[in-house]
PDB file of N, CA and C in Angstrom:
ATOM      1  N   MET A   1      60.030 -87.493  76.406  1.00  0.00           N
ATOM      2  CA  MET A   1      60.173 -86.075  76.194  1.00  0.00           C
ATOM      3  C   MET A   1      60.554 -85.784  74.751  1.00  0.00           C
ATOM      4  N   ASP A   2      60.041 -86.517  73.805  1.00  0.00           N
ATOM      5  CA  ASP A   2      60.455 -86.334  72.431  1.00  0.00           C
ATOM      6  C   ASP A   2      59.526 -85.457  71.604  1.00  0.00           C
ATOM      7  N   ASP A   3      58.313 -85.224  72.060  1.00  0.00           N
ATOM      8  CA  ASP A   3      57.352 -84.459  71.271  1.00  0.00           C
ATOM      9  C   ASP A   3      56.942 -83.192  72.033  1.00  0.00           C
ATOM     10  N   TYR A   4      57.921 -82.410  72.444  1.00  0.00           N
ATOM     11  CA  TYR A   4      57.647 -81.256  73.285  1.00  0.00           C
ATOM     12  C   TYR A   4      58.170 -79.948  72.686  1.00  0.00           C
ATOM     13  N   THR A   5      58.984 -80.035  71.644  1.00  0.00           N
ATOM     14  CA  THR A   5      59.599 -78.851  71.059  1.00  0.00           C
ATOM     15  C   THR A   5      59.519 -78.922  69.552  1.00  0.00           C
ATOM     16  N   PRO A   6      59.337 -77.833  68.840  1.00  0.00           N
ATOM     17  CA  PRO A   6      59.188 -76.483  69.382  1.00  0.00           C
ATOM     18  C   PRO A   6      57.777 -76.227  69.883  1.00  0.00           C
ATOM     19  N   ARG A   7      57.647 -75.145  70.644  1.00  0.00           N
ATOM     20  CA  ARG A   7      56.357 -74.635  71.124  1.00  0.00           C
ATOM     21  C   ARG A   7      56.264 -73.195  70.661  1.00  0.00           C
ATOM     22  N   PHE A   8      55.071 -72.676  70.566  1.00  0.00           N
ATOM     23  CA  PHE A   8      54.888 -71.256  70.293  1.00  0.00           C
ATOM     24  C   PHE A   8      54.695 -70.524  71.616  1.00  0.00           C
ATOM     25  N   ALA A   9      55.173 -69.292  71.671  1.00  0.00           N
ATOM     26  CA  ALA A   9      55.015 -68.484  72.878  1.00  0.00           C
ATOM     27  C   ALA A   9      53.551 -68.462  73.286  1.00  0.00           C
ATOM     28  N   GLY A  10      53.303 -68.715  74.546  1.00  0.00           N
ATOM     29  CA  GLY A  10      51.943 -68.710  75.080  1.00  0.00           C
ATOM     30  C   GLY A  10      51.217 -70.032  75.013  1.00  0.00           C
ATOM     31  N   ASP A  11      51.755 -71.006  74.270  1.00  0.00           N
ATOM     32  CA  ASP A  11      51.080 -72.309  74.152  1.00  0.00           C
ATOM     33  C   ASP A  11      51.286 -73.140  75.419  1.00  0.00           C
ATOM     34  N   MET A  12      50.182 -73.368  76.124  1.00  0.00           N
ATOM     35  CA  MET A  12      50.248 -74.157  77.355  1.00  0.00           C
ATOM     36  C   MET A  12      49.561 -75.512  77.206  1.00  0.00           C
ATOM     37  N   ALA A  13      48.960 -75.749  76.039  1.00  0.00           N
ATOM     38  CA  ALA A  13      48.320 -77.046  75.802  1.00  0.00           C
ATOM     39  C   ALA A  13      49.397 -78.123  75.706  1.00  0.00           C
ATOM     40  N   ASP A  14      48.991 -79.337  75.746  1.00  0.00           N
ATOM     41  CA  ASP A  14      49.890 -80.485  75.635  1.00  0.00           C
ATOM     42  C   ASP A  14      50.960 -80.482  76.722  1.00  0.00           C
ATOM     43  N   PRO A  15      50.607 -80.960  77.891  1.00  0.00           N
ATOM     44  CA  PRO A  15      51.585 -81.043  78.978  1.00  0.00           C
ATOM     45  C   PRO A  15      52.818 -81.845  78.563  1.00  0.00           C
ATOM     46  N   LEU A  16      53.897 -81.621  79.267  1.00  0.00           N
ATOM     47  CA  LEU A  16      55.152 -82.325  79.039  1.00  0.00           C
ATOM     48  C   LEU A  16      55.074 -83.677  79.741  1.00  0.00           C
ATOM     49  N   ALA A  17      55.036 -84.762  78.966  1.00  0.00           N
ATOM     50  CA  ALA A  17      54.983 -86.119  79.524  1.00  0.00           C
ATOM     51  C   ALA A  17      56.405 -86.655  79.613  1.00  0.00           C
ATOM     52  N   CYS A  18      56.811 -87.065  80.793  1.00  0.00           N
ATOM     53  CA  CYS A  18      58.182 -87.528  81.019  1.00  0.00           C
ATOM     54  C   CYS A  18      58.193 -88.939  81.581  1.00  0.00           C
ATOM     55  N   THR A  19      59.130 -89.723  81.079  1.00  0.00           N
ATOM     56  CA  THR A  19      59.471 -90.996  81.708  1.00  0.00           C
ATOM     57  C   THR A  19      60.943 -90.891  82.061  1.00  0.00           C
ATOM     58  N   PHE A  20      61.231 -90.817  83.339  1.00  0.00           N
ATOM     59  CA  PHE A  20      62.605 -90.672  83.807  1.00  0.00           C
ATOM     60  C   PHE A  20      63.268 -92.039  83.853  1.00  0.00           C
ATOM     61  N   THR A  21      64.475 -92.097  83.297  1.00  0.00           N
ATOM     62  CA  THR A  21      65.200 -93.372  83.228  1.00  0.00           C
ATOM     63  C   THR A  21      66.611 -93.209  83.766  1.00  0.00           C
ATOM     64  N   ASP A  22      67.213 -94.348  84.120  1.00  0.00           N
ATOM     65  CA  ASP A  22      68.612 -94.332  84.547  1.00  0.00           C
ATOM     66  C   ASP A  22      69.511 -94.415  83.313  1.00  0.00           C
ATOM     67  N   SER A  23      70.811 -94.496  83.509  1.00  0.00           N
ATOM     68  CA  SER A  23      71.754 -94.491  82.384  1.00  0.00           C
ATOM     69  C   SER A  23      71.643 -95.727  81.502  1.00  0.00           C
ATOM     70  N   PHE A  24      70.935 -96.747  81.961  1.00  0.00           N
ATOM     71  CA  PHE A  24      70.732 -97.961  81.169  1.00  0.00           C
ATOM     72  C   PHE A  24      69.381 -97.974  80.458  1.00  0.00           C
ATOM     73  N   GLY A  25      68.593 -96.899  80.645  1.00  0.00           N
ATOM     74  CA  GLY A  25      67.274 -96.830  80.020  1.00  0.00           C
ATOM     75  C   GLY A  25      66.169 -97.467  80.836  1.00  0.00           C
ATOM     76  N   ASN A  26      66.472 -97.875  82.051  1.00  0.00           N
ATOM     77  CA  ASN A  26      65.464 -98.473  82.925  1.00  0.00           C
ATOM     78  C   ASN A  26      64.679 -97.365  83.637  1.00  0.00           C
ATOM     79  N   PRO A  27      63.387 -97.565  83.881  1.00  0.00           N
ATOM     80  CA  PRO A  27      62.605 -96.553  84.590  1.00  0.00           C
ATOM     81  C   PRO A  27      63.233 -96.240  85.948  1.00  0.00           C
ATOM     82  N   TYR A  28      63.270 -94.952  86.278  1.00  0.00           N
ATOM     83  CA  TYR A  28      63.811 -94.501  87.554  1.00  0.00           C
ATOM     84  C   TYR A  28      62.646 -94.294  88.513  1.00  0.00           C
ATOM     85  N   ASN A  29      62.667 -94.985  89.636  1.00  0.00           N
ATOM     86  CA  ASN A  29      61.577 -94.903  90.602  1.00  0.00           C
ATOM     87  C   ASN A  29      61.580 -93.516  91.248  1.00  0.00           C
ATOM     88  N   ILE A  30      60.502 -92.763  91.060  1.00  0.00           N
ATOM     89  CA  ILE A  30      60.425 -91.397  91.572  1.00  0.00           C
ATOM     90  C   ILE A  30      59.449 -91.275  92.757  1.00  0.00           C
ATOM     91  N   THR A  31      59.249 -92.371  93.462  1.00  0.00           N
ATOM     92  CA  THR A  31      58.380 -92.359  94.634  1.00  0.00           C
ATOM     93  C   THR A  31      58.894 -91.339  95.641  1.00  0.00           C
ATOM     94  N   GLY A  32      58.009 -90.462  96.087  1.00  0.00           N
ATOM     95  CA  GLY A  32      58.356 -89.456  97.090  1.00  0.00           C
ATOM     96  C   GLY A  32      59.111 -88.257  96.541  1.00  0.00           C
ATOM     97  N   ALA A  33      59.192 -88.112  95.219  1.00  0.00           N
ATOM     98  CA  ALA A  33      59.974 -87.036  94.608  1.00  0.00           C
ATOM     99  C   ALA A  33      59.228 -85.700  94.621  1.00  0.00           C
ATOM    100  N   THR A  34      59.989 -84.647  94.802  1.00  0.00           N
ATOM    101  CA  THR A  34      59.550 -83.285  94.529  1.00  0.00           C
ATOM    102  C   THR A  34      60.327 -82.860  93.294  1.00  0.00           C
ATOM    103  N   ILE A  35      59.623 -82.495  92.224  1.00  0.00           N
ATOM    104  CA  ILE A  35      60.259 -82.262  90.925  1.00  0.00           C
ATOM    105  C   ILE A  35      60.259 -80.770  90.605  1.00  0.00           C
ATOM    106  N   THR A  36      61.381 -80.299  90.057  1.00  0.00           N
ATOM    107  CA  THR A  36      61.532 -78.906  89.645  1.00  0.00           C
ATOM    108  C   THR A  36      62.032 -78.854  88.212  1.00  0.00           C
ATOM    109  N   LEU A  37      61.426 -77.984  87.400  1.00  0.00           N
ATOM    110  CA  LEU A  37      61.840 -77.763  86.018  1.00  0.00           C
ATOM    111  C   LEU A  37      62.502 -76.389  85.928  1.00  0.00           C
ATOM    112  N   GLU A  38      63.608 -76.312  85.180  1.00  0.00           N
ATOM    113  CA  GLU A  38      64.266 -75.033  84.923  1.00  0.00           C
ATOM    114  C   GLU A  38      64.536 -74.884  83.435  1.00  0.00           C
ATOM    115  N   LEU A  39      64.394 -73.653  82.952  1.00  0.00           N
ATOM    116  CA  LEU A  39      64.698 -73.320  81.569  1.00  0.00           C
ATOM    117  C   LEU A  39      65.790 -72.253  81.577  1.00  0.00           C
ATOM    118  N   ARG A  40      66.944 -72.561  80.967  1.00  0.00           N
ATOM    119  CA  ARG A  40      68.042 -71.589  80.870  1.00  0.00           C
ATOM    120  C   ARG A  40      68.120 -71.110  79.430  1.00  0.00           C
ATOM    121  N   ASN A  41      67.931 -69.793  79.236  1.00  0.00           N
ATOM    122  CA  ASN A  41      67.993 -69.202  77.909  1.00  0.00           C
ATOM    123  C   ASN A  41      69.433 -69.265  77.409  1.00  0.00           C
ATOM    124  N   ARG A  42      69.639 -69.876  76.245  1.00  0.00           N
ATOM    125  CA  ARG A  42      70.997 -70.057  75.722  1.00  0.00           C
ATOM    126  C   ARG A  42      71.665 -68.747  75.329  1.00  0.00           C
ATOM    127  N   SER A  43      70.890 -67.727  74.974  1.00  0.00           N
ATOM    128  CA  SER A  43      71.476 -66.434  74.576  1.00  0.00           C
ATOM    129  C   SER A  43      71.813 -65.569  75.775  1.00  0.00           C
ATOM    130  N   SER A  44      70.873 -65.411  76.678  1.00  0.00           N
ATOM    131  CA  SER A  44      71.053 -64.479  77.799  1.00  0.00           C
ATOM    132  C   SER A  44      71.571 -65.135  79.066  1.00  0.00           C
ATOM    133  N   GLY A  45      71.376 -66.446  79.180  1.00  0.00           N
ATOM    134  CA  GLY A  45      71.766 -67.137  80.404  1.00  0.00           C
ATOM    135  C   GLY A  45      70.740 -67.019  81.514  1.00  0.00           C
ATOM    136  N   SER A  46      69.664 -66.265  81.277  1.00  0.00           N
ATOM    137  CA  SER A  46      68.648 -66.120  82.322  1.00  0.00           C
ATOM    138  C   SER A  46      67.934 -67.456  82.546  1.00  0.00           C
ATOM    139  N   VAL A  47      67.485 -67.647  83.782  1.00  0.00           N
ATOM    140  CA  VAL A  47      66.850 -68.909  84.170  1.00  0.00           C
ATOM    141  C   VAL A  47      65.409 -68.655  84.571  1.00  0.00           C
ATOM    142  N   ILE A  48      64.525 -69.488  84.036  1.00  0.00           N
ATOM    143  CA  ILE A  48      63.118 -69.493  84.420  1.00  0.00           C
ATOM    144  C   ILE A  48      62.888 -70.757  85.233  1.00  0.00           C
ATOM    145  N   THR A  49      62.440 -70.598  86.461  1.00  0.00           N
ATOM    146  CA  THR A  49      62.050 -71.759  87.258  1.00  0.00           C
ATOM    147  C   THR A  49      60.604 -72.047  86.939  1.00  0.00           C
ATOM    148  N   GLY A  50      60.333 -73.257  86.493  1.00  0.00           N
ATOM    149  CA  GLY A  50      58.984 -73.632  86.074  1.00  0.00           C
ATOM    150  C   GLY A  50      57.947 -73.337  87.142  1.00  0.00           C
ATOM    151  N   ALA A  51      56.898 -72.646  86.731  1.00  0.00           N
ATOM    152  CA  ALA A  51      55.812 -72.305  87.640  1.00  0.00           C
ATOM    153  C   ALA A  51      54.611 -73.221  87.436  1.00  0.00           C
ATOM    154  N   GLY A  52      54.752 -74.192  86.539  1.00  0.00           N
ATOM    155  CA  GLY A  52      53.673 -75.137  86.274  1.00  0.00           C
ATOM    156  C   GLY A  52      53.563 -76.188  87.370  1.00  0.00           C
ATOM    157  N   THR A  53      52.739 -77.175  87.102  1.00  0.00           N
ATOM    158  CA  THR A  53      52.441 -78.211  88.094  1.00  0.00           C
ATOM    159  C   THR A  53      52.907 -79.576  87.622  1.00  0.00           C
ATOM    160  N   TRP A  54      53.641 -80.275  88.476  1.00  0.00           N
ATOM    161  CA  TRP A  54      54.037 -81.664  88.217  1.00  0.00           C
ATOM    162  C   TRP A  54      53.021 -82.602  88.849  1.00  0.00           C
ATOM    163  N   THR A  55      52.686 -83.661  88.133  1.00  0.00           N
ATOM    164  CA  THR A  55      51.866 -84.740  88.666  1.00  0.00           C
ATOM    165  C   THR A  55      52.592 -86.044  88.389  1.00  0.00           C
ATOM    166  N   ILE A  56      52.840 -86.814  89.421  1.00  0.00           N
ATOM    167  CA  ILE A  56      53.461 -88.127  89.241  1.00  0.00           C
ATOM    168  C   ILE A  56      52.354 -89.097  88.860  1.00  0.00           C
ATOM    169  N   ILE A  57      52.497 -89.703  87.688  1.00  0.00           N
ATOM    170  CA  ILE A  57      51.485 -90.601  87.136  1.00  0.00           C
ATOM    171  C   ILE A  57      51.704 -92.036  87.605  1.00  0.00           C
ATOM    172  N   ASN A  58      52.952 -92.502  87.516  1.00  0.00           N
ATOM    173  CA  ASN A  58      53.319 -93.861  87.915  1.00  0.00           C
ATOM    174  C   ASN A  58      54.748 -93.802  88.450  1.00  0.00           C
ATOM    175  N   ALA A  59      54.888 -93.636  89.754  1.00  0.00           N
ATOM    176  CA  ALA A  59      56.205 -93.432  90.371  1.00  0.00           C
ATOM    177  C   ALA A  59      57.185 -94.584  90.114  1.00  0.00           C
ATOM    178  N   PRO A  60      56.799 -95.857  90.303  1.00  0.00           N
ATOM    179  CA  PRO A  60      57.767 -96.930  90.067  1.00  0.00           C
ATOM    180  C   PRO A  60      58.268 -96.994  88.619  1.00  0.00           C
ATOM    181  N   GLN A  61      57.447 -96.506  87.668  1.00  0.00           N
ATOM    182  CA  GLN A  61      57.838 -96.511  86.258  1.00  0.00           C
ATOM    183  C   GLN A  61      58.439 -95.164  85.823  1.00  0.00           C
ATOM    184  N   GLY A  62      58.625 -94.232  86.765  1.00  0.00           N
ATOM    185  CA  GLY A  62      59.270 -92.957  86.478  1.00  0.00           C
ATOM    186  C   GLY A  62      58.447 -92.012  85.628  1.00  0.00           C
ATOM    187  N   GLN A  63      57.138 -92.137  85.653  1.00  0.00           N
ATOM    188  CA  GLN A  63      56.277 -91.336  84.770  1.00  0.00           C
ATOM    189  C   GLN A  63      55.654 -90.147  85.505  1.00  0.00           C
ATOM    190  N   ALA A  64      55.829 -88.965  84.899  1.00  0.00           N
ATOM    191  CA  ALA A  64      55.272 -87.735  85.465  1.00  0.00           C
ATOM    192  C   ALA A  64      54.814 -86.825  84.337  1.00  0.00           C
ATOM    193  N   LEU A  65      53.965 -85.887  84.680  1.00  0.00           N
ATOM    194  CA  LEU A  65      53.379 -84.962  83.722  1.00  0.00           C
ATOM    195  C   LEU A  65      53.577 -83.551  84.258  1.00  0.00           C
ATOM    196  N   TYR A  66      54.045 -82.647  83.375  1.00  0.00           N
ATOM    197  CA  TYR A  66      54.226 -81.245  83.752  1.00  0.00           C
ATOM    198  C   TYR A  66      53.254 -80.392  82.946  1.00  0.00           C
ATOM    199  N   VAL A  67      52.395 -79.655  83.634  1.00  0.00           N
ATOM    200  CA  VAL A  67      51.455 -78.743  82.995  1.00  0.00           C
ATOM    201  C   VAL A  67      52.102 -77.358  82.999  1.00  0.00           C
ATOM    202  N   TRP A  68      52.334 -76.835  81.795  1.00  0.00           N
ATOM    203  CA  TRP A  68      53.022 -75.557  81.614  1.00  0.00           C
ATOM    204  C   TRP A  68      52.249 -74.407  82.252  1.00  0.00           C
ATOM    205  N   SER A  69      52.981 -73.386  82.696  1.00  0.00           N
ATOM    206  CA  SER A  69      52.367 -72.133  83.127  1.00  0.00           C
ATOM    207  C   SER A  69      52.629 -71.083  82.047  1.00  0.00           C
ATOM    208  N   ALA A  70      51.886 -69.988  82.072  1.00  0.00           N
ATOM    209  CA  ALA A  70      52.084 -68.923  81.090  1.00  0.00           C
ATOM    210  C   ALA A  70      53.502 -68.354  81.168  1.00  0.00           C
ATOM    211  N   ALA A  71      54.052 -68.233  82.365  1.00  0.00           N
ATOM    212  CA  ALA A  71      55.406 -67.683  82.538  1.00  0.00           C
ATOM    213  C   ALA A  71      56.473 -68.583  81.910  1.00  0.00           C
ATOM    214  N   ASP A  72      56.238 -69.884  81.881  1.00  0.00           N
ATOM    215  CA  ASP A  72      57.208 -70.831  81.306  1.00  0.00           C
ATOM    216  C   ASP A  72      57.417 -70.601  79.822  1.00  0.00           C
ATOM    217  N   VAL A  73      56.360 -70.260  79.119  1.00  0.00           N
ATOM    218  CA  VAL A  73      56.401 -70.214  77.652  1.00  0.00           C
ATOM    219  C   VAL A  73      56.134 -68.815  77.093  1.00  0.00           C
ATOM    220  N   ALA A  74      56.406 -67.780  77.874  1.00  0.00           N
ATOM    221  CA  ALA A  74      56.098 -66.414  77.468  1.00  0.00           C
ATOM    222  C   ALA A  74      57.127 -65.812  76.517  1.00  0.00           C
ATOM    223  N   THR A  75      58.400 -66.216  76.638  1.00  0.00           N
ATOM    224  CA  THR A  75      59.475 -65.540  75.914  1.00  0.00           C
ATOM    225  C   THR A  75      60.103 -66.455  74.870  1.00  0.00           C
ATOM    226  N   PRO A  76      60.006 -66.075  73.587  1.00  0.00           N
ATOM    227  CA  PRO A  76      60.639 -66.884  72.536  1.00  0.00           C
ATOM    228  C   PRO A  76      62.144 -66.981  72.750  1.00  0.00           C
ATOM    229  N   GLY A  77      62.695 -68.103  72.323  1.00  0.00           N
ATOM    230  CA  GLY A  77      64.140 -68.310  72.425  1.00  0.00           C
ATOM    231  C   GLY A  77      64.471 -69.782  72.461  1.00  0.00           C
ATOM    232  N   LEU A  78      65.768 -70.070  72.509  1.00  0.00           N
ATOM    233  CA  LEU A  78      66.259 -71.440  72.635  1.00  0.00           C
ATOM    234  C   LEU A  78      66.720 -71.634  74.069  1.00  0.00           C
ATOM    235  N   TYR A  79      66.216 -72.683  74.688  1.00  0.00           N
ATOM    236  CA  TYR A  79      66.452 -72.938  76.103  1.00  0.00           C
ATOM    237  C   TYR A  79      67.045 -74.329  76.323  1.00  0.00           C
ATOM    238  N   ASP A  80      67.751 -74.468  77.436  1.00  0.00           N
ATOM    239  CA  ASP A  80      68.120 -75.783  77.956  1.00  0.00           C
ATOM    240  C   ASP A  80      67.125 -76.098  79.053  1.00  0.00           C
ATOM    241  N   LEU A  81      66.383 -77.170  78.882  1.00  0.00           N
ATOM    242  CA  LEU A  81      65.383 -77.614  79.845  1.00  0.00           C
ATOM    243  C   LEU A  81      66.047 -78.634  80.752  1.00  0.00           C
ATOM    244  N   SER A  82      65.991 -78.409  82.052  1.00  0.00           N
ATOM    245  CA  SER A  82      66.568 -79.374  82.987  1.00  0.00           C
ATOM    246  C   SER A  82      65.575 -79.677  84.094  1.00  0.00           C
ATOM    247  N   VAL A  83      65.684 -80.873  84.616  1.00  0.00           N
ATOM    248  CA  VAL A  83      64.801 -81.330  85.680  1.00  0.00           C
ATOM    249  C   VAL A  83      65.660 -81.845  86.821  1.00  0.00           C
ATOM    250  N   LYS A  84      65.308 -81.391  88.025  1.00  0.00           N
ATOM    251  CA  LYS A  84      65.944 -81.958  89.205  1.00  0.00           C
ATOM    252  C   LYS A  84      64.859 -82.428  90.150  1.00  0.00           C
ATOM    253  N   MET A  85      65.217 -83.419  90.951  1.00  0.00           N
ATOM    254  CA  MET A  85      64.275 -83.988  91.907  1.00  0.00           C
ATOM    255  C   MET A  85      64.907 -84.044  93.273  1.00  0.00           C
ATOM    256  N   GLN A  86      64.068 -83.809  94.244  1.00  0.00           N
ATOM    257  CA  GLN A  86      64.458 -84.072  95.622  1.00  0.00           C
ATOM    258  C   GLN A  86      63.774 -85.382  95.980  1.00  0.00           C
ATOM    259  N   LEU A  87      64.584 -86.410  96.201  1.00  0.00           N
ATOM    260  CA  LEU A  87      64.089 -87.749  96.540  1.00  0.00           C
ATOM    261  C   LEU A  87      64.424 -88.050  97.992  1.00  0.00           C
ATOM    262  N   PRO A  88      63.781 -89.037  98.585  1.00  0.00           N
ATOM    263  CA  PRO A  88      64.129 -89.413  99.948  1.00  0.00           C
ATOM    264  C   PRO A  88      65.628 -89.736 100.097  1.00  0.00           C
ATOM    265  N   SER A  89      66.249 -90.222  99.017  1.00  0.00           N
ATOM    266  CA  SER A  89      67.673 -90.588  99.074  1.00  0.00           C
ATOM    267  C   SER A  89      68.605 -89.416  98.755  1.00  0.00           C
ATOM    268  N   GLY A  90      68.050 -88.252  98.342  1.00  0.00           N
ATOM    269  CA  GLY A  90      68.866 -87.090  98.018  1.00  0.00           C
ATOM    270  C   GLY A  90      68.454 -86.461  96.698  1.00  0.00           C
ATOM    271  N   GLU A  91      69.235 -85.467  96.265  1.00  0.00           N
ATOM    272  CA  GLU A  91      68.920 -84.743  95.037  1.00  0.00           C
ATOM    273  C   GLU A  91      69.423 -85.499  93.817  1.00  0.00           C
ATOM    274  N   LYS A  92      68.643 -85.445  92.728  1.00  0.00           N
ATOM    275  CA  LYS A  92      68.975 -86.128  91.470  1.00  0.00           C
ATOM    276  C   LYS A  92      68.711 -85.176  90.327  1.00  0.00           C
ATOM    277  N   HIS A  93      69.676 -85.052  89.398  1.00  0.00           N
ATOM    278  CA  HIS A  93      69.525 -84.229  88.194  1.00  0.00           C
ATOM    279  C   HIS A  93      69.420 -85.143  86.980  1.00  0.00           C
ATOM    280  N   PHE A  94      68.575 -84.775  86.045  1.00  0.00           N
ATOM    281  CA  PHE A  94      68.403 -85.557  84.826  1.00  0.00           C
ATOM    282  C   PHE A  94      68.965 -84.791  83.643  1.00  0.00           C
ATOM    283  N   GLN A  95      69.240 -85.498  82.567  1.00  0.00           N
ATOM    284  CA  GLN A  95      69.868 -84.944  81.368  1.00  0.00           C
ATOM    285  C   GLN A  95      69.113 -83.721  80.848  1.00  0.00           C
ATOM    286  N   THR A  96      69.882 -82.694  80.488  1.00  0.00           N
ATOM    287  CA  THR A  96      69.323 -81.473  79.916  1.00  0.00           C
ATOM    288  C   THR A  96      68.907 -81.727  78.477  1.00  0.00           C
ATOM    289  N   LYS A  97      67.771 -81.125  78.092  1.00  0.00           N
ATOM    290  CA  LYS A  97      67.254 -81.249  76.724  1.00  0.00           C
ATOM    291  C   LYS A  97      66.995 -79.853  76.164  1.00  0.00           C
ATOM    292  N   PRO A  98      67.071 -79.698  74.833  1.00  0.00           N
ATOM    293  CA  PRO A  98      66.768 -78.395  74.245  1.00  0.00           C
ATOM    294  C   PRO A  98      65.261 -78.160  74.161  1.00  0.00           C
ATOM    295  N   LEU A  99      64.877 -76.898  74.282  1.00  0.00           N
ATOM    296  CA  LEU A  99      63.489 -76.486  74.087  1.00  0.00           C
ATOM    297  C   LEU A  99      63.505 -75.175  73.318  1.00  0.00           C
ATOM    298  N   GLU A 100      62.802 -75.150  72.180  1.00  0.00           N
ATOM    299  CA  GLU A 100      62.689 -73.915  71.417  1.00  0.00           C
ATOM    300  C   GLU A 100      61.279 -73.360  71.559  1.00  0.00           C
ATOM    301  N   ILE A 101      61.198 -72.083  71.934  1.00  0.00           N
ATOM    302  CA  ILE A 101      59.918 -71.388  71.990  1.00  0.00           C
ATOM    303  C   ILE A 101      59.923 -70.366  70.859  1.00  0.00           C
ATOM    304  N   LEU A 102      58.989 -70.541  69.947  1.00  0.00           N
ATOM    305  CA  LEU A 102      58.919 -69.700  68.748  1.00  0.00           C
ATOM    306  C   LEU A 102      57.975 -68.527  68.974  1.00  0.00           C
ATOM    307  N   PRO A 103      58.252 -67.391  68.300  1.00  0.00           N
ATOM    308  CA  PRO A 103      57.301 -66.277  68.384  1.00  0.00           C
ATOM    309  C   PRO A 103      55.992 -66.639  67.691  1.00  0.00           C
ATOM    310  N   VAL A 104      54.924 -66.098  68.182  1.00  0.00           N
ATOM    311  CA  VAL A 104      53.611 -66.310  67.553  1.00  0.00           C
ATOM    312  C   VAL A 104      53.587 -65.466  66.278  1.00  0.00           C
ATOM    313  N   TRP A 105      53.113 -66.049  65.197  1.00  0.00           N
ATOM    314  CA  TRP A 105      53.073 -65.317  63.929  1.00  0.00           C
ATOM    315  C   TRP A 105      51.688 -64.945  63.548  1.00  0.00           C
TER     316      TRP A 105
END
């Protein structure tokens, strides 16, 4: 998740490629996961629940791809991007990352 920010408002190209890892940097097995993305605006506190589509590419290696929706990237601002998963063993939250959406110039 290192080449995902900043984005310009409305830019849906270049899906978000994620490799989920544990605290030791080892791939986290996401077999059977339902994944949810949330964006919390740092200024207003409002939350956008990602309306895009997740595709698990390689579950044992923790690899998934998120295709942005127009609603995800419509409003410029600085956001905290967080991902949670519902796994067969229970709910799991992953580290929050910053995401900046810039106005189109």
